[in-house]
Amino acid sequence: MSDNCLFCKIARGEIPADKLYEDDDILAFRDISPQAPVHFLVIPKKHFSGPAAITEAEEQLIGRMMRKGNEIARKEGIDHYRVVFNNGEQAGQTVFHIHMHILGGRNMNWPPG
């Protein structure tokens, strides 16, 4: 984990979060500024700056994030949802720790705004 990373601090319990799931490798919590009725993040506890930092060694971890995100979405009452990974500032990434957004509970337009 990184000392100054916001999501690393949340993973270490230094900053509170509305947690939906946690194990040794993954944490899921509600987004502090939701963009849909259901909006939560799934992060690995290990620090990676973004999707471009993922290597073959992390494929299983990212797959687990996807599976857990699906399980949590169902528990939150949504079967249809959008999954978003941002990579870099121009793509809208503001916290440089890889994170998966799950958004649902409303119609999602395409292309996004």
N, C-alpha and C. Protein backbone atom coordinates (compact mmCIF):
# COMPACT_ATOMS: atom_id res chain seq x y z
N MET A 1 0.84 -1.19 0.00
CA MET A 1 0.00 0.00 0.00
C MET A 1 0.88 1.24 0.00
N SER A 2 0.32 2.30 -0.51
CA SER A 2 1.02 3.57 -0.59
C SER A 2 0.64 4.43 0.62
N ASP A 3 1.60 5.14 1.18
CA ASP A 3 1.35 5.97 2.37
C ASP A 3 0.38 7.11 2.11
N ASN A 4 0.44 7.74 0.93
CA ASN A 4 -0.36 8.93 0.68
C ASN A 4 -1.62 8.68 -0.14
N CYS A 5 -1.86 7.46 -0.56
CA CYS A 5 -3.00 7.14 -1.41
C CYS A 5 -4.30 7.09 -0.59
N LEU A 6 -5.31 7.82 -1.06
CA LEU A 6 -6.60 7.86 -0.38
C LEU A 6 -7.19 6.47 -0.21
N PHE A 7 -7.19 5.67 -1.27
CA PHE A 7 -7.81 4.35 -1.17
C PHE A 7 -6.98 3.39 -0.33
N CYS A 8 -5.68 3.54 -0.31
CA CYS A 8 -4.85 2.74 0.59
C CYS A 8 -5.18 3.08 2.04
N LYS A 9 -5.40 4.35 2.32
CA LYS A 9 -5.78 4.77 3.67
C LYS A 9 -7.13 4.19 4.07
N ILE A 10 -8.07 4.16 3.12
CA ILE A 10 -9.38 3.54 3.40
C ILE A 10 -9.19 2.05 3.66
N ALA A 11 -8.37 1.39 2.84
CA ALA A 11 -8.13 -0.05 3.00
C ALA A 11 -7.49 -0.37 4.35
N ARG A 12 -6.64 0.53 4.84
CA ARG A 12 -5.99 0.33 6.14
C ARG A 12 -6.89 0.72 7.32
N GLY A 13 -8.04 1.31 7.03
CA GLY A 13 -8.95 1.72 8.09
C GLY A 13 -8.64 3.08 8.67
N GLU A 14 -7.75 3.82 8.03
CA GLU A 14 -7.38 5.15 8.52
C GLU A 14 -8.42 6.20 8.18
N ILE A 15 -9.20 5.95 7.14
CA ILE A 15 -10.29 6.84 6.71
C ILE A 15 -11.54 5.98 6.67
N PRO A 16 -12.64 6.43 7.30
CA PRO A 16 -13.85 5.62 7.30
C PRO A 16 -14.49 5.51 5.92
N ALA A 17 -15.17 4.41 5.71
CA ALA A 17 -15.92 4.18 4.48
C ALA A 17 -17.12 3.32 4.81
N ASP A 18 -18.16 3.43 4.01
CA ASP A 18 -19.35 2.61 4.15
C ASP A 18 -19.07 1.30 3.41
N LYS A 19 -18.49 0.35 4.12
CA LYS A 19 -18.02 -0.90 3.52
C LYS A 19 -19.17 -1.84 3.21
N LEU A 20 -19.08 -2.45 2.04
CA LEU A 20 -20.05 -3.45 1.61
C LEU A 20 -19.45 -4.85 1.61
N TYR A 21 -18.13 -4.94 1.48
CA TYR A 21 -17.44 -6.23 1.46
C TYR A 21 -15.96 -5.99 1.76
N GLU A 22 -15.37 -6.96 2.45
CA GLU A 22 -13.93 -6.88 2.69
C GLU A 22 -13.39 -8.28 2.92
N ASP A 23 -12.23 -8.56 2.31
CA ASP A 23 -11.46 -9.75 2.62
C ASP A 23 -9.99 -9.35 2.64
N ASP A 24 -9.09 -10.29 2.61
CA ASP A 24 -7.67 -9.97 2.70
C ASP A 24 -7.15 -9.18 1.50
N ASP A 25 -7.82 -9.30 0.35
CA ASP A 25 -7.31 -8.72 -0.89
C ASP A 25 -8.16 -7.62 -1.49
N ILE A 26 -9.44 -7.59 -1.17
CA ILE A 26 -10.41 -6.72 -1.85
C ILE A 26 -11.25 -5.96 -0.82
N LEU A 27 -11.61 -4.75 -1.18
CA LEU A 27 -12.53 -3.94 -0.38
C LEU A 27 -13.55 -3.31 -1.32
N ALA A 28 -14.81 -3.34 -0.91
CA ALA A 28 -15.88 -2.66 -1.66
C ALA A 28 -16.58 -1.70 -0.71
N PHE A 29 -16.85 -0.49 -1.20
CA PHE A 29 -17.49 0.52 -0.36
C PHE A 29 -18.28 1.48 -1.23
N ARG A 30 -19.26 2.12 -0.63
CA ARG A 30 -20.12 3.08 -1.36
C ARG A 30 -19.31 4.30 -1.76
N ASP A 31 -19.61 4.80 -2.96
CA ASP A 31 -18.95 6.01 -3.44
C ASP A 31 -19.43 7.20 -2.62
N ILE A 32 -18.51 8.06 -2.24
CA ILE A 32 -18.85 9.21 -1.40
C ILE A 32 -19.65 10.27 -2.18
N SER A 33 -19.58 10.22 -3.50
CA SER A 33 -20.33 11.15 -4.36
C SER A 33 -21.05 10.34 -5.44
N PRO A 34 -22.12 9.64 -5.05
CA PRO A 34 -22.76 8.71 -5.99
C PRO A 34 -23.34 9.39 -7.23
N GLN A 35 -23.17 8.71 -8.36
CA GLN A 35 -23.67 9.19 -9.63
C GLN A 35 -24.87 8.37 -10.10
N ALA A 36 -25.36 7.49 -9.26
CA ALA A 36 -26.53 6.66 -9.53
C ALA A 36 -27.09 6.22 -8.18
N PRO A 37 -28.35 5.74 -8.15
CA PRO A 37 -28.91 5.28 -6.88
C PRO A 37 -28.05 4.23 -6.18
N VAL A 38 -27.42 3.36 -6.95
CA VAL A 38 -26.45 2.41 -6.41
C VAL A 38 -25.12 2.74 -7.07
N HIS A 39 -24.12 3.08 -6.28
CA HIS A 39 -22.79 3.41 -6.80
C HIS A 39 -21.78 3.03 -5.74
N PHE A 40 -21.01 2.01 -6.06
CA PHE A 40 -19.98 1.59 -5.13
C PHE A 40 -18.69 1.30 -5.89
N LEU A 41 -17.61 1.23 -5.14
CA LEU A 41 -16.29 0.96 -5.69
C LEU A 41 -15.78 -0.37 -5.18
N VAL A 42 -15.03 -1.05 -6.01
CA VAL A 42 -14.33 -2.26 -5.60
C VAL A 42 -12.85 -2.01 -5.90
N ILE A 43 -12.01 -2.19 -4.87
CA ILE A 43 -10.58 -1.93 -5.01
C ILE A 43 -9.78 -3.14 -4.52
N PRO A 44 -8.59 -3.31 -5.11
CA PRO A 44 -7.67 -4.26 -4.48
C PRO A 44 -6.99 -3.53 -3.32
N LYS A 45 -6.65 -4.24 -2.28
CA LYS A 45 -5.93 -3.59 -1.18
C LYS A 45 -4.48 -3.30 -1.57
N LYS A 46 -3.95 -4.09 -2.48
CA LYS A 46 -2.61 -3.83 -3.00
C LYS A 46 -2.69 -2.63 -3.94
N HIS A 47 -1.74 -1.74 -3.84
CA HIS A 47 -1.76 -0.51 -4.63
C HIS A 47 -1.27 -0.73 -6.06
N PHE A 48 -2.10 -0.34 -7.01
CA PHE A 48 -1.76 -0.23 -8.43
C PHE A 48 -2.31 1.11 -8.86
N SER A 49 -1.57 1.87 -9.64
CA SER A 49 -2.01 3.22 -9.98
C SER A 49 -3.26 3.25 -10.86
N GLY A 50 -3.46 2.24 -11.67
CA GLY A 50 -4.62 2.21 -12.55
C GLY A 50 -4.59 0.98 -13.42
N PRO A 51 -5.56 0.84 -14.33
CA PRO A 51 -5.61 -0.35 -15.18
C PRO A 51 -4.33 -0.62 -15.97
N ALA A 52 -3.64 0.41 -16.40
CA ALA A 52 -2.42 0.20 -17.19
C ALA A 52 -1.30 -0.41 -16.36
N ALA A 53 -1.41 -0.37 -15.05
CA ALA A 53 -0.37 -0.92 -14.17
C ALA A 53 -0.57 -2.41 -13.89
N ILE A 54 -1.68 -2.96 -14.35
CA ILE A 54 -1.98 -4.37 -14.10
C ILE A 54 -1.16 -5.25 -15.05
N THR A 55 -0.59 -6.29 -14.49
CA THR A 55 0.18 -7.25 -15.28
C THR A 55 -0.53 -8.61 -15.24
N GLU A 56 0.03 -9.54 -15.95
CA GLU A 56 -0.54 -10.89 -15.98
C GLU A 56 -0.67 -11.48 -14.58
N ALA A 57 0.22 -11.12 -13.70
CA ALA A 57 0.19 -11.65 -12.32
C ALA A 57 -1.07 -11.23 -11.56
N GLU A 58 -1.70 -10.14 -11.95
CA GLU A 58 -2.88 -9.64 -11.24
C GLU A 58 -4.20 -10.05 -11.90
N GLU A 59 -4.16 -10.83 -12.96
CA GLU A 59 -5.39 -11.18 -13.66
C GLU A 59 -6.41 -11.85 -12.74
N GLN A 60 -5.97 -12.74 -11.89
CA GLN A 60 -6.88 -13.43 -10.99
C GLN A 60 -7.51 -12.46 -10.00
N LEU A 61 -6.73 -11.52 -9.49
CA LEU A 61 -7.25 -10.52 -8.55
C LEU A 61 -8.32 -9.66 -9.22
N ILE A 62 -8.06 -9.20 -10.43
CA ILE A 62 -9.03 -8.36 -11.14
C ILE A 62 -10.30 -9.17 -11.43
N GLY A 63 -10.15 -10.43 -11.77
CA GLY A 63 -11.31 -11.30 -11.98
C GLY A 63 -12.14 -11.45 -10.71
N ARG A 64 -11.49 -11.58 -9.57
CA ARG A 64 -12.20 -11.66 -8.29
C ARG A 64 -12.94 -10.36 -8.01
N MET A 65 -12.32 -9.22 -8.35
CA MET A 65 -13.00 -7.94 -8.18
C MET A 65 -14.30 -7.92 -8.98
N MET A 66 -14.24 -8.39 -10.23
CA MET A 66 -15.43 -8.42 -11.07
C MET A 66 -16.51 -9.33 -10.47
N ARG A 67 -16.11 -10.51 -10.03
CA ARG A 67 -17.07 -11.47 -9.46
C ARG A 67 -17.70 -10.91 -8.18
N LYS A 68 -16.89 -10.33 -7.31
CA LYS A 68 -17.42 -9.76 -6.07
C LYS A 68 -18.32 -8.56 -6.36
N GLY A 69 -17.94 -7.76 -7.35
CA GLY A 69 -18.78 -6.63 -7.74
C GLY A 69 -20.16 -7.09 -8.17
N ASN A 70 -20.21 -8.17 -8.93
CA ASN A 70 -21.49 -8.73 -9.37
C ASN A 70 -22.30 -9.23 -8.17
N GLU A 71 -21.65 -9.92 -7.25
CA GLU A 71 -22.35 -10.42 -6.06
C GLU A 71 -22.92 -9.27 -5.23
N ILE A 72 -22.14 -8.23 -5.06
CA ILE A 72 -22.59 -7.08 -4.28
C ILE A 72 -23.74 -6.37 -4.98
N ALA A 73 -23.64 -6.21 -6.30
CA ALA A 73 -24.72 -5.57 -7.06
C ALA A 73 -26.03 -6.30 -6.85
N ARG A 74 -25.99 -7.62 -6.90
CA ARG A 74 -27.22 -8.40 -6.68
C ARG A 74 -27.75 -8.19 -5.26
N LYS A 75 -26.86 -8.17 -4.27
CA LYS A 75 -27.29 -7.92 -2.90
C LYS A 75 -27.90 -6.53 -2.74
N GLU A 76 -27.41 -5.58 -3.56
CA GLU A 76 -27.92 -4.21 -3.54
C GLU A 76 -29.20 -4.06 -4.36
N GLY A 77 -29.64 -5.16 -4.98
CA GLY A 77 -30.91 -5.16 -5.70
C GLY A 77 -30.85 -4.75 -7.15
N ILE A 78 -29.65 -4.77 -7.75
CA ILE A 78 -29.56 -4.41 -9.17
C ILE A 78 -29.01 -5.58 -9.98
N ASP A 79 -29.70 -5.87 -11.08
CA ASP A 79 -29.25 -6.90 -12.02
C ASP A 79 -28.61 -6.28 -13.25
N HIS A 80 -28.91 -5.01 -13.50
CA HIS A 80 -28.36 -4.29 -14.65
C HIS A 80 -27.55 -3.12 -14.11
N TYR A 81 -26.31 -3.04 -14.53
CA TYR A 81 -25.43 -2.01 -14.00
C TYR A 81 -24.30 -1.74 -14.97
N ARG A 82 -23.64 -0.63 -14.75
CA ARG A 82 -22.46 -0.25 -15.54
C ARG A 82 -21.22 -0.47 -14.70
N VAL A 83 -20.18 -0.98 -15.34
CA VAL A 83 -18.87 -1.18 -14.72
C VAL A 83 -17.91 -0.21 -15.39
N VAL A 84 -17.18 0.58 -14.59
CA VAL A 84 -16.27 1.58 -15.14
C VAL A 84 -14.91 1.48 -14.46
N PHE A 85 -13.88 1.42 -15.29
CA PHE A 85 -12.49 1.60 -14.86
C PHE A 85 -11.98 2.82 -15.62
N ASN A 86 -11.43 3.80 -14.94
CA ASN A 86 -10.81 4.95 -15.59
C ASN A 86 -9.30 4.77 -15.53
N ASN A 87 -8.63 5.14 -16.61
CA ASN A 87 -7.17 5.02 -16.65
C ASN A 87 -6.56 6.36 -17.05
N GLY A 88 -6.12 7.11 -16.08
CA GLY A 88 -5.47 8.38 -16.35
C GLY A 88 -6.39 9.57 -16.18
N GLU A 89 -5.78 10.71 -16.01
CA GLU A 89 -6.51 11.95 -15.74
C GLU A 89 -7.49 12.31 -16.85
N GLN A 90 -7.09 12.19 -18.11
CA GLN A 90 -7.98 12.56 -19.22
C GLN A 90 -9.18 11.62 -19.31
N ALA A 91 -9.08 10.44 -18.73
CA ALA A 91 -10.21 9.50 -18.71
C ALA A 91 -11.11 9.73 -17.51
N GLY A 92 -10.75 10.65 -16.64
CA GLY A 92 -11.57 10.96 -15.48
C GLY A 92 -11.08 10.35 -14.18
N GLN A 93 -9.91 9.71 -14.19
CA GLN A 93 -9.39 9.13 -12.96
C GLN A 93 -8.91 10.25 -12.05
N THR A 94 -9.41 10.26 -10.82
CA THR A 94 -9.01 11.29 -9.85
C THR A 94 -8.25 10.70 -8.67
N VAL A 95 -8.46 9.41 -8.39
CA VAL A 95 -7.69 8.71 -7.36
C VAL A 95 -6.86 7.67 -8.09
N PHE A 96 -5.55 7.77 -7.97
CA PHE A 96 -4.66 6.92 -8.74
C PHE A 96 -4.31 5.63 -7.99
N HIS A 97 -5.37 4.90 -7.72
CA HIS A 97 -5.34 3.54 -7.17
C HIS A 97 -6.45 2.85 -7.96
N ILE A 98 -6.12 1.78 -8.67
CA ILE A 98 -7.14 1.15 -9.52
C ILE A 98 -8.41 0.90 -8.73
N HIS A 99 -9.53 1.24 -9.34
CA HIS A 99 -10.82 1.02 -8.70
C HIS A 99 -11.89 0.81 -9.77
N MET A 100 -12.82 -0.04 -9.45
CA MET A 100 -13.92 -0.37 -10.34
C MET A 100 -15.19 0.26 -9.78
N HIS A 101 -15.82 1.08 -10.60
CA HIS A 101 -17.11 1.65 -10.24
C HIS A 101 -18.21 0.69 -10.69
N ILE A 102 -19.20 0.48 -9.84
CA ILE A 102 -20.42 -0.22 -10.22
C ILE A 102 -21.55 0.78 -10.00
N LEU A 103 -22.28 1.08 -11.08
CA LEU A 103 -23.37 2.05 -11.03
C LEU A 103 -24.64 1.41 -11.55
N GLY A 104 -25.74 1.60 -10.83
CA GLY A 104 -27.01 1.04 -11.28
C GLY A 104 -28.18 1.68 -10.57
N GLY A 105 -29.36 1.16 -10.89
CA GLY A 105 -30.57 1.68 -10.27
C GLY A 105 -31.22 2.79 -11.08
N ARG A 106 -30.70 3.06 -12.26
CA ARG A 106 -31.30 4.03 -13.18
C ARG A 106 -30.84 3.66 -14.59
N ASN A 107 -31.50 4.25 -15.58
CA ASN A 107 -31.07 4.03 -16.96
C ASN A 107 -29.74 4.71 -17.19
N MET A 108 -28.86 4.01 -17.88
CA MET A 108 -27.54 4.53 -18.21
C MET A 108 -27.53 4.91 -19.69
N ASN A 109 -27.22 6.15 -19.98
CA ASN A 109 -27.17 6.62 -21.36
C ASN A 109 -25.82 6.32 -21.99
N TRP A 110 -25.82 6.21 -23.30
CA TRP A 110 -24.58 6.03 -24.05
C TRP A 110 -24.59 6.96 -25.23
N PRO A 111 -23.54 7.69 -25.48
CA PRO A 111 -22.33 7.71 -24.67
C PRO A 111 -22.55 8.46 -23.37
N PRO A 112 -21.71 8.13 -22.36
CA PRO A 112 -21.85 8.84 -21.08
C PRO A 112 -21.50 10.31 -21.25
N GLY A 113 -22.04 11.14 -20.37
CA GLY A 113 -21.83 12.58 -20.45
C GLY A 113 -20.48 13.05 -20.09
